[in-house]
Amino acid sequence: MMEKAENHSKKCLEHPNAFNISADIFLLFNDGKIPSEARNWLKLYVKRHIKMAREFQNPTPPQLRLIHTQKDVLAANIYDEFQTSEDDHQYFAELDQNERIQLRLHGLLAFLLFARQCPAIIIADNNNIKKLCADSEPDTHVQDLIDDAFIIFVTDHKGMQSAQERQLHVVPWEDQSQ
């Protein structure tokens, strides 16, 4: 797992904008609405990210990318919901054009495993965790998700059970301390 983490770190350094991307957060909800518990977890994460980015001693502070996928359509500017002020805009970024094309062409699972440049957090409900894992060939890519040190799933109670059955790294969104 450490070797894979080192490879991702190297990729981040090679990617032109990735050096200042702290994480990609993928929001997976079929109806496009983020459940209130997940929204609360995400707001706390965003506030913590902004606080840490403000303390960063570099002219280009770390940025966070929030990617909302709804029925395989990429919705940009989701971060507008979570900004606390106009000044916070500099702490957010979007996928570049190449990444958007990769995501649309190959789907989320392939993007997470092969095209992603930065650490990833997936906030999803039970149905979307099952769907993401079902999109892979029998256990081949699911094993890659298990081995990837940077992919963390934040999910509801039922999603926790599904993810744990597949041995994925999970955090319940009810647990605000995480």
Protein backbone atom coordinates (compact mmCIF):
# COMPACT_ATOMS: atom_id res chain seq x y z
CA MET A 1 0.00 0.00 0.00
CA MET A 2 2.89 2.38 0.75
CA GLU A 3 4.35 1.84 -2.72
CA LYS A 4 1.03 2.83 -4.31
CA ALA A 5 0.89 5.93 -2.09
CA GLU A 6 4.37 6.95 -3.21
CA ASN A 7 3.38 6.49 -6.88
CA HIS A 8 0.34 8.74 -6.39
CA SER A 9 2.55 11.35 -4.74
CA LYS A 10 4.88 11.27 -7.74
CA LYS A 11 1.90 11.61 -10.11
CA CYS A 12 0.72 14.63 -8.17
CA LEU A 13 4.09 16.26 -8.67
CA GLU A 14 4.01 15.52 -12.41
CA HIS A 15 0.52 16.91 -12.96
CA PRO A 16 0.69 20.68 -13.68
CA ASN A 17 -1.97 21.71 -11.15
CA ALA A 18 -1.96 18.70 -8.85
CA PHE A 19 0.80 19.94 -6.55
CA ASN A 20 -1.68 22.20 -4.81
CA ILE A 21 -4.70 19.86 -4.87
CA SER A 22 -5.21 18.41 -1.40
CA ALA A 23 -7.98 15.96 -2.41
CA ASP A 24 -10.76 15.19 -4.85
CA ILE A 25 -14.14 14.60 -3.23
CA PHE A 26 -16.65 12.75 -5.39
CA LEU A 27 -20.30 13.13 -4.41
CA LEU A 28 -22.35 10.15 -5.63
CA PHE A 29 -26.09 10.47 -5.20
CA ASN A 30 -28.67 9.36 -7.79
CA ASP A 31 -31.20 12.09 -7.16
CA GLY A 32 -28.52 14.79 -7.06
CA LYS A 33 -29.42 15.80 -3.49
CA ILE A 34 -26.80 15.40 -0.82
CA PRO A 35 -28.34 13.93 2.37
CA SER A 36 -28.18 16.30 5.33
CA GLU A 37 -25.82 14.05 7.33
CA ALA A 38 -23.41 13.88 4.39
CA ARG A 39 -23.74 17.64 3.85
CA ASN A 40 -22.84 18.24 7.52
CA TRP A 41 -19.75 16.00 7.24
CA LEU A 42 -18.72 17.77 4.03
CA LYS A 43 -19.22 21.26 5.48
CA LEU A 44 -16.96 20.39 8.40
CA TYR A 45 -14.37 18.94 6.03
CA VAL A 46 -14.48 22.05 3.82
CA LYS A 47 -14.17 24.38 6.85
CA ARG A 48 -11.18 22.42 8.08
CA HIS A 49 -9.62 22.48 4.59
CA ILE A 50 -10.07 26.28 4.33
CA LYS A 51 -8.59 26.79 7.81
CA MET A 52 -5.54 24.67 6.96
CA ALA A 53 -5.16 26.35 3.54
CA ARG A 54 -5.18 29.81 5.18
CA GLU A 55 -2.36 28.71 7.48
CA PHE A 56 -0.32 27.42 4.54
CA GLN A 57 2.82 29.52 4.05
CA ASN A 58 2.85 29.37 0.25
CA PRO A 59 1.37 31.89 -2.24
CA THR A 60 -0.59 29.03 -3.83
CA PRO A 61 -2.50 27.35 -0.99
CA PRO A 62 -3.76 23.76 -1.26
CA GLN A 63 -7.05 23.47 -3.13
CA LEU A 64 -9.94 21.06 -2.80
CA ARG A 65 -11.99 19.75 -5.71
CA LEU A 66 -15.63 18.78 -5.18
CA ILE A 67 -17.02 16.72 -8.04
CA HIS A 68 -20.73 16.00 -8.04
CA THR A 69 -21.68 13.15 -10.33
CA GLN A 70 -25.34 12.76 -11.13
CA LYS A 71 -26.44 10.13 -13.62
CA ASP A 72 -22.94 10.08 -15.14
CA VAL A 73 -22.99 13.83 -15.73
CA LEU A 74 -20.26 15.93 -14.17
CA ALA A 75 -21.60 19.00 -12.39
CA ALA A 76 -19.02 21.72 -11.91
CA ASN A 77 -19.00 24.52 -9.33
CA ILE A 78 -20.57 22.42 -6.58
CA TYR A 79 -18.05 24.08 -4.23
CA ASP A 80 -20.09 27.30 -4.40
CA GLU A 81 -22.50 25.73 -1.92
CA PHE A 82 -19.76 25.15 0.61
CA GLN A 83 -17.77 28.36 0.44
CA THR A 84 -18.16 30.67 3.40
CA SER A 85 -17.12 33.82 1.52
CA GLU A 86 -15.80 35.12 -1.79
CA ASP A 87 -12.27 35.04 -0.34
CA ASP A 88 -12.56 31.26 -0.01
CA HIS A 89 -12.78 30.81 -3.79
CA GLN A 90 -9.00 30.43 -4.05
CA TYR A 91 -9.15 27.28 -1.92
CA PHE A 92 -11.18 25.35 -4.52
CA ALA A 93 -10.33 24.01 -7.95
CA GLU A 94 -12.02 22.05 -10.72
CA LEU A 95 -10.99 19.11 -12.85
CA ASP A 96 -9.09 20.15 -15.93
CA GLN A 97 -10.49 19.44 -19.42
CA ASN A 98 -8.44 16.25 -19.85
CA GLU A 99 -9.69 14.87 -16.53
CA ARG A 100 -13.30 15.67 -17.45
CA ILE A 101 -12.92 13.79 -20.72
CA GLN A 102 -11.29 10.82 -18.96
CA LEU A 103 -14.11 10.71 -16.42
CA ARG A 104 -16.85 10.87 -19.06
CA LEU A 105 -15.22 8.35 -21.41
CA HIS A 106 -14.14 5.72 -18.92
CA GLY A 107 -16.44 6.18 -15.95
CA LEU A 108 -15.75 6.84 -12.31
CA LEU A 109 -14.19 3.51 -11.34
CA ALA A 110 -11.59 3.63 -14.11
CA PHE A 111 -10.93 7.30 -13.36
CA LEU A 112 -10.37 6.57 -9.67
CA LEU A 113 -8.01 3.70 -10.35
CA PHE A 114 -6.07 4.83 -13.40
CA ALA A 115 -6.49 8.52 -14.32
CA ARG A 116 -6.77 10.22 -10.94
CA GLN A 117 -3.83 12.35 -9.91
CA CYS A 118 -4.70 13.17 -6.28
CA PRO A 119 -6.09 11.54 -3.13
CA ALA A 120 -9.81 10.78 -3.38
CA ILE A 121 -12.72 10.73 -0.96
CA ILE A 122 -16.05 9.36 -2.15
CA ILE A 123 -19.19 10.44 -0.35
CA ALA A 124 -21.92 8.04 -1.38
CA ASP A 125 -24.97 6.22 -0.17
CA ASN A 126 -25.35 2.44 -0.11
CA ASN A 127 -26.80 2.20 -3.65
CA ASN A 128 -23.90 4.08 -5.20
CA ILE A 129 -21.24 2.07 -3.38
CA LYS A 130 -22.88 -1.10 -4.71
CA LYS A 131 -23.14 0.41 -8.19
CA LEU A 132 -19.50 1.52 -8.19
CA CYS A 133 -18.30 -1.94 -7.16
CA ALA A 134 -20.71 -3.70 -9.54
CA ASP A 135 -19.24 -1.75 -12.48
CA SER A 136 -16.00 -3.70 -12.12
CA GLU A 137 -15.21 -7.14 -13.40
CA PRO A 138 -15.53 -9.78 -10.67
CA ASP A 139 -13.33 -8.54 -7.82
CA THR A 140 -10.49 -7.38 -10.09
CA HIS A 141 -10.94 -3.62 -9.73
CA VAL A 142 -12.56 -3.88 -6.32
CA GLN A 143 -9.24 -5.30 -5.07
CA ASP A 144 -7.50 -2.24 -6.55
CA LEU A 145 -9.92 -0.01 -4.60
CA ILE A 146 -9.05 -1.92 -1.43
CA ASP A 147 -5.31 -1.55 -2.06
CA ASP A 148 -5.45 2.19 -2.83
CA ALA A 149 -4.39 4.09 0.29
CA PHE A 150 -5.94 7.34 -0.91
CA ILE A 151 -9.54 6.29 -1.57
CA ILE A 152 -11.83 6.69 1.43
CA PHE A 153 -15.58 6.16 1.35
CA VAL A 154 -17.84 8.25 3.58
CA THR A 155 -21.26 6.68 3.72
CA ASP A 156 -24.46 5.89 5.61
CA HIS A 157 -25.08 2.86 7.85
CA LYS A 158 -26.18 0.54 5.02
CA GLY A 159 -23.30 1.75 2.88
CA MET A 160 -20.91 0.98 5.73
CA GLN A 161 -22.05 -2.64 5.66
CA SER A 162 -21.69 -2.88 1.85
CA ALA A 163 -18.25 -1.26 1.91
CA GLN A 164 -17.02 -3.41 4.79
CA GLU A 165 -18.16 -6.56 2.95
CA ARG A 166 -15.89 -5.43 0.12
CA GLN A 167 -13.13 -4.42 2.60
CA LEU A 168 -13.15 -0.78 1.43
CA HIS A 169 -11.80 2.04 3.62
CA VAL A 170 -14.94 3.64 5.10
CA VAL A 171 -16.00 6.34 7.54
CA PRO A 172 -19.62 6.88 8.61
CA TRP A 173 -20.87 10.35 7.74
CA GLU A 174 -22.66 10.48 11.10
CA ASP A 175 -19.25 10.51 12.80
CA GLN A 176 -18.32 14.20 12.65
CA SER A 177 -15.03 13.54 14.49
CA GLN A 178 -13.67 11.80 11.39
